[in-house]
Amino acid sequence: MKKNWLLYLVIFSLALNFGTIGALIYFRTQDTLAHRMEVRPPRPHLGKVLHALNLDEQQKLDLEQRLRLNRQKGHDLLGKLAQQRLQLFHLLQAEKPNEEQIFATVRTINENQHALEQQMVGFLLEAKKILRPEQQQELLHRVGQRLCGPGSCGPPPHRGRGLGGPR
């Protein structure tokens, strides 16, 4: 009788521990899930960002012309990038893929992505030359929101030491 009673006590204790651990895990993941499921407004289109700068007529004409050229160059680069990615996909599908060719294609993709980033930064630098200082600040603020979301750019806030201790 005593053995059965001790066995029931051990089983109940284990069940209670598993229940507590399960509840802690559940509540811990609810915070992270809520953070991940947070609905963010869509990023504004660059044209809308420029429209919000209160441009005068000459600035509008200059920026529209440069934006048109920027979009054409960007469209061309995106087309090249899509072709290179498709080529990489076909290379990876081969029965015996050639590693040198795959890595060369990856380098080409990186170069095209780099060119796309440089082209966008070049457009922003050209736009800054046209804008007044207060318009430049507004442009940089809006571009930062577009790139980083509603918060500011930079590292996330410090969340404590965690299990690893100080680093």
C-alpha atoms as a PDB file:
ATOM      1  CA  MET A   1       0.000   0.000   0.000  1.00  0.00           C
ATOM      2  CA  LYS A   2       2.816   2.391   0.903  1.00  0.00           C
ATOM      3  CA  LYS A   3       4.582   1.670  -2.393  1.00  0.00           C
ATOM      4  CA  ASN A   4       1.463   2.530  -4.394  1.00  0.00           C
ATOM      5  CA  TRP A   5       0.993   5.740  -2.437  1.00  0.00           C
ATOM      6  CA  LEU A   6       4.589   6.835  -3.119  1.00  0.00           C
ATOM      7  CA  LEU A   7       4.230   5.945  -6.798  1.00  0.00           C
ATOM      8  CA  TYR A   8       1.063   8.059  -7.064  1.00  0.00           C
ATOM      9  CA  LEU A   9       2.835  10.932  -5.310  1.00  0.00           C
ATOM     10  CA  VAL A  10       5.793  10.788  -7.737  1.00  0.00           C
ATOM     11  CA  ILE A  11       3.470  10.640 -10.770  1.00  0.00           C
ATOM     12  CA  PHE A  12       1.403  13.563  -9.464  1.00  0.00           C
ATOM     13  CA  SER A  13       4.574  15.562  -8.768  1.00  0.00           C
ATOM     14  CA  LEU A  14       5.897  14.926 -12.285  1.00  0.00           C
ATOM     15  CA  ALA A  15       2.550  15.870 -13.826  1.00  0.00           C
ATOM     16  CA  LEU A  16       2.483  19.075 -11.802  1.00  0.00           C
ATOM     17  CA  ASN A  17       6.034  19.940 -12.893  1.00  0.00           C
ATOM     18  CA  PHE A  18       5.242  19.265 -16.562  1.00  0.00           C
ATOM     19  CA  GLY A  19       2.099  21.369 -16.285  1.00  0.00           C
ATOM     20  CA  THR A  20       4.024  24.259 -14.746  1.00  0.00           C
ATOM     21  CA  ILE A  21       6.753  24.064 -17.389  1.00  0.00           C
ATOM     22  CA  GLY A  22       4.126  23.906 -20.140  1.00  0.00           C
ATOM     23  CA  ALA A  23       2.337  26.967 -18.738  1.00  0.00           C
ATOM     24  CA  LEU A  24       5.609  28.907 -18.516  1.00  0.00           C
ATOM     25  CA  ILE A  25       6.513  28.017 -22.098  1.00  0.00           C
ATOM     26  CA  TYR A  26       3.022  28.963 -23.276  1.00  0.00           C
ATOM     27  CA  PHE A  27       3.116  32.391 -21.627  1.00  0.00           C
ATOM     28  CA  ARG A  28       6.687  33.023 -22.757  1.00  0.00           C
ATOM     29  CA  THR A  29       5.844  32.296 -26.413  1.00  0.00           C
ATOM     30  CA  GLN A  30       2.698  34.429 -26.322  1.00  0.00           C
ATOM     31  CA  ASP A  31       4.825  37.552 -25.938  1.00  0.00           C
ATOM     32  CA  THR A  32       7.067  36.685 -28.876  1.00  0.00           C
ATOM     33  CA  LEU A  33       4.144  35.575 -31.060  1.00  0.00           C
ATOM     34  CA  ALA A  34       2.273  38.799 -30.379  1.00  0.00           C
ATOM     35  CA  HIS A  35       5.399  40.756 -31.302  1.00  0.00           C
ATOM     36  CA  ARG A  36       5.887  38.770 -34.528  1.00  0.00           C
ATOM     37  CA  MET A  37       2.215  38.977 -35.506  1.00  0.00           C
ATOM     38  CA  GLU A  38       2.171  42.751 -35.063  1.00  0.00           C
ATOM     39  CA  VAL A  39       0.542  44.318 -38.106  1.00  0.00           C
ATOM     40  CA  ARG A  40       2.636  47.052 -39.631  1.00  0.00           C
ATOM     41  CA  PRO A  41       1.380  49.564 -42.124  1.00  0.00           C
ATOM     42  CA  PRO A  42       2.695  49.090 -45.662  1.00  0.00           C
ATOM     43  CA  ARG A  43       5.852  50.956 -46.514  1.00  0.00           C
ATOM     44  CA  PRO A  44       5.191  54.110 -48.481  1.00  0.00           C
ATOM     45  CA  HIS A  45       6.190  54.137 -52.141  1.00  0.00           C
ATOM     46  CA  LEU A  46       9.131  56.399 -52.988  1.00  0.00           C
ATOM     47  CA  GLY A  47       6.866  58.583 -55.128  1.00  0.00           C
ATOM     48  CA  LYS A  48       4.619  59.168 -52.110  1.00  0.00           C
ATOM     49  CA  VAL A  49       7.648  59.958 -49.979  1.00  0.00           C
ATOM     50  CA  LEU A  50       8.762  62.597 -52.474  1.00  0.00           C
ATOM     51  CA  HIS A  51       5.215  63.975 -52.707  1.00  0.00           C
ATOM     52  CA  ALA A  52       5.212  64.588 -48.934  1.00  0.00           C
ATOM     53  CA  LEU A  53       8.217  66.942 -49.186  1.00  0.00           C
ATOM     54  CA  ASN A  54       6.216  70.020 -50.326  1.00  0.00           C
ATOM     55  CA  LEU A  55       8.300  70.541 -53.443  1.00  0.00           C
ATOM     56  CA  ASP A  56       8.143  73.628 -55.636  1.00  0.00           C
ATOM     57  CA  GLU A  57       7.570  73.232 -59.393  1.00  0.00           C
ATOM     58  CA  GLN A  58      11.231  73.170 -60.434  1.00  0.00           C
ATOM     59  CA  GLN A  59      12.079  70.611 -57.755  1.00  0.00           C
ATOM     60  CA  LYS A  60       9.137  68.448 -58.871  1.00  0.00           C
ATOM     61  CA  LEU A  61      10.273  68.503 -62.485  1.00  0.00           C
ATOM     62  CA  ASP A  62      13.892  67.699 -61.612  1.00  0.00           C
ATOM     63  CA  LEU A  63      12.987  64.892 -59.223  1.00  0.00           C
ATOM     64  CA  GLU A  64      10.384  63.382 -61.560  1.00  0.00           C
ATOM     65  CA  GLN A  65      12.942  63.244 -64.364  1.00  0.00           C
ATOM     66  CA  ARG A  66      15.574  61.681 -62.106  1.00  0.00           C
ATOM     67  CA  LEU A  67      13.025  59.286 -60.610  1.00  0.00           C
ATOM     68  CA  ARG A  68      12.014  58.139 -64.091  1.00  0.00           C
ATOM     69  CA  LEU A  69      15.655  57.453 -65.001  1.00  0.00           C
ATOM     70  CA  ASN A  70      16.227  55.754 -61.647  1.00  0.00           C
ATOM     71  CA  ARG A  71      13.226  53.474 -62.160  1.00  0.00           C
ATOM     72  CA  GLN A  72      14.374  52.504 -65.647  1.00  0.00           C
ATOM     73  CA  LYS A  73      17.871  51.630 -64.429  1.00  0.00           C
ATOM     74  CA  GLY A  74      16.408  49.781 -61.457  1.00  0.00           C
ATOM     75  CA  HIS A  75      14.030  47.847 -63.697  1.00  0.00           C
ATOM     76  CA  ASP A  76      16.938  46.803 -65.920  1.00  0.00           C
ATOM     77  CA  LEU A  77      19.020  45.704 -62.921  1.00  0.00           C
ATOM     78  CA  LEU A  78      16.088  43.779 -61.439  1.00  0.00           C
ATOM     79  CA  GLY A  79      15.640  41.993 -64.772  1.00  0.00           C
ATOM     80  CA  LYS A  80      19.310  40.967 -64.781  1.00  0.00           C
ATOM     81  CA  LEU A  81      19.016  39.862 -61.172  1.00  0.00           C
ATOM     82  CA  ALA A  82      15.973  37.700 -61.926  1.00  0.00           C
ATOM     83  CA  GLN A  83      17.785  36.075 -64.869  1.00  0.00           C
ATOM     84  CA  GLN A  84      20.837  35.335 -62.725  1.00  0.00           C
ATOM     85  CA  ARG A  85      18.707  33.833 -59.950  1.00  0.00           C
ATOM     86  CA  LEU A  86      16.911  31.637 -62.466  1.00  0.00           C
ATOM     87  CA  GLN A  87      20.267  30.532 -63.873  1.00  0.00           C
ATOM     88  CA  LEU A  88      21.448  29.716 -60.333  1.00  0.00           C
ATOM     89  CA  PHE A  89      18.291  27.692 -59.731  1.00  0.00           C
ATOM     90  CA  HIS A  90      18.894  25.682 -62.911  1.00  0.00           C
ATOM     91  CA  LEU A  91      22.524  25.109 -61.940  1.00  0.00           C
ATOM     92  CA  LEU A  92      21.456  23.827 -58.535  1.00  0.00           C
ATOM     93  CA  GLN A  93      18.925  21.470 -60.113  1.00  0.00           C
ATOM     94  CA  ALA A  94      21.587  19.727 -62.180  1.00  0.00           C
ATOM     95  CA  GLU A  95      22.400  16.162 -61.219  1.00  0.00           C
ATOM     96  CA  LYS A  96      26.085  16.984 -60.723  1.00  0.00           C
ATOM     97  CA  PRO A  97      26.272  20.752 -60.157  1.00  0.00           C
ATOM     98  CA  ASN A  98      29.460  22.557 -61.105  1.00  0.00           C
ATOM     99  CA  GLU A  99      30.523  24.377 -57.930  1.00  0.00           C
ATOM    100  CA  GLU A 100      32.748  26.893 -59.710  1.00  0.00           C
ATOM    101  CA  GLN A 101      29.925  27.922 -62.011  1.00  0.00           C
ATOM    102  CA  ILE A 102      27.492  28.153 -59.085  1.00  0.00           C
ATOM    103  CA  PHE A 103      29.839  30.372 -57.086  1.00  0.00           C
ATOM    104  CA  ALA A 104      30.505  32.538 -60.150  1.00  0.00           C
ATOM    105  CA  THR A 105      26.746  32.996 -60.567  1.00  0.00           C
ATOM    106  CA  VAL A 106      26.406  33.893 -56.884  1.00  0.00           C
ATOM    107  CA  ARG A 107      29.157  36.496 -57.293  1.00  0.00           C
ATOM    108  CA  THR A 108      27.323  37.939 -60.309  1.00  0.00           C
ATOM    109  CA  ILE A 109      24.099  38.096 -58.296  1.00  0.00           C
ATOM    110  CA  ASN A 110      25.946  39.898 -55.497  1.00  0.00           C
ATOM    111  CA  GLU A 111      27.413  42.377 -57.976  1.00  0.00           C
ATOM    112  CA  ASN A 112      23.958  43.103 -59.405  1.00  0.00           C
ATOM    113  CA  GLN A 113      22.498  43.577 -55.920  1.00  0.00           C
ATOM    114  CA  HIS A 114      25.404  45.876 -55.084  1.00  0.00           C
ATOM    115  CA  ALA A 115      24.798  47.880 -58.262  1.00  0.00           C
ATOM    116  CA  LEU A 116      21.111  48.176 -57.366  1.00  0.00           C
ATOM    117  CA  GLU A 117      21.951  49.512 -53.899  1.00  0.00           C
ATOM    118  CA  GLN A 118      24.506  51.945 -55.333  1.00  0.00           C
ATOM    119  CA  GLN A 119      21.991  53.179 -57.875  1.00  0.00           C
ATOM    120  CA  MET A 120      19.412  53.879 -55.148  1.00  0.00           C
ATOM    121  CA  VAL A 121      21.933  55.657 -52.941  1.00  0.00           C
ATOM    122  CA  GLY A 122      23.083  57.678 -55.955  1.00  0.00           C
ATOM    123  CA  PHE A 123      19.491  58.757 -56.577  1.00  0.00           C
ATOM    124  CA  LEU A 124      19.090  59.827 -52.946  1.00  0.00           C
ATOM    125  CA  LEU A 125      22.325  61.840 -53.103  1.00  0.00           C
ATOM    126  CA  GLU A 126      21.136  63.553 -56.290  1.00  0.00           C
ATOM    127  CA  ALA A 127      17.770  64.254 -54.666  1.00  0.00           C
ATOM    128  CA  LYS A 128      19.478  65.805 -51.639  1.00  0.00           C
ATOM    129  CA  LYS A 129      21.270  68.280 -53.927  1.00  0.00           C
ATOM    130  CA  ILE A 130      17.915  69.522 -55.208  1.00  0.00           C
ATOM    131  CA  LEU A 131      16.185  69.790 -51.827  1.00  0.00           C
ATOM    132  CA  ARG A 132      16.316  72.453 -49.146  1.00  0.00           C
ATOM    133  CA  PRO A 133      17.779  71.414 -45.736  1.00  0.00           C
ATOM    134  CA  GLU A 134      14.366  70.868 -44.073  1.00  0.00           C
ATOM    135  CA  GLN A 135      13.261  68.789 -47.074  1.00  0.00           C
ATOM    136  CA  GLN A 136      16.469  66.765 -46.852  1.00  0.00           C
ATOM    137  CA  GLN A 137      15.762  65.970 -43.199  1.00  0.00           C
ATOM    138  CA  GLU A 138      12.199  64.913 -44.038  1.00  0.00           C
ATOM    139  CA  LEU A 139      13.437  62.759 -46.918  1.00  0.00           C
ATOM    140  CA  LEU A 140      16.002  61.005 -44.708  1.00  0.00           C
ATOM    141  CA  HIS A 141      13.399  60.494 -41.985  1.00  0.00           C
ATOM    142  CA  ARG A 142      10.925  58.944 -44.431  1.00  0.00           C
ATOM    143  CA  VAL A 143      13.565  56.790 -46.119  1.00  0.00           C
ATOM    144  CA  GLY A 144      14.611  55.576 -42.653  1.00  0.00           C
ATOM    145  CA  GLN A 145      10.999  54.631 -41.915  1.00  0.00           C
ATOM    146  CA  ARG A 146      10.787  52.849 -45.243  1.00  0.00           C
ATOM    147  CA  LEU A 147      13.974  50.870 -44.612  1.00  0.00           C
ATOM    148  CA  CYS A 148      13.625  50.172 -40.895  1.00  0.00           C
ATOM    149  CA  GLY A 149       9.900  50.333 -40.254  1.00  0.00           C
ATOM    150  CA  PRO A 150       8.090  52.635 -37.835  1.00  0.00           C
ATOM    151  CA  GLY A 151      10.874  52.514 -35.222  1.00  0.00           C
ATOM    152  CA  SER A 152      14.310  53.957 -35.689  1.00  0.00           C
ATOM    153  CA  CYS A 153      17.183  52.290 -37.485  1.00  0.00           C
ATOM    154  CA  GLY A 154      19.825  50.717 -35.326  1.00  0.00           C
ATOM    155  CA  PRO A 155      20.284  47.804 -32.985  1.00  0.00           C
ATOM    156  CA  PRO A 156      17.304  46.573 -30.974  1.00  0.00           C
ATOM    157  CA  PRO A 157      17.078  47.747 -27.369  1.00  0.00           C
ATOM    158  CA  HIS A 158      19.006  45.769 -24.759  1.00  0.00           C
ATOM    159  CA  ARG A 159      16.826  42.964 -23.389  1.00  0.00           C
ATOM    160  CA  GLY A 160      18.954  41.792 -20.483  1.00  0.00           C
ATOM    161  CA  ARG A 161      21.685  39.246 -20.084  1.00  0.00           C
ATOM    162  CA  GLY A 162      19.648  36.123 -20.694  1.00  0.00           C
ATOM    163  CA  LEU A 163      21.134  32.744 -19.938  1.00  0.00           C
ATOM    164  CA  GLY A 164      24.577  33.501 -21.311  1.00  0.00           C
ATOM    165  CA  GLY A 165      25.511  36.086 -18.702  1.00  0.00           C
ATOM    166  CA  PRO A 166      27.439  39.258 -19.528  1.00  0.00           C
ATOM    167  CA  ARG A 167      29.229  39.395 -22.862  1.00  0.00           C
END
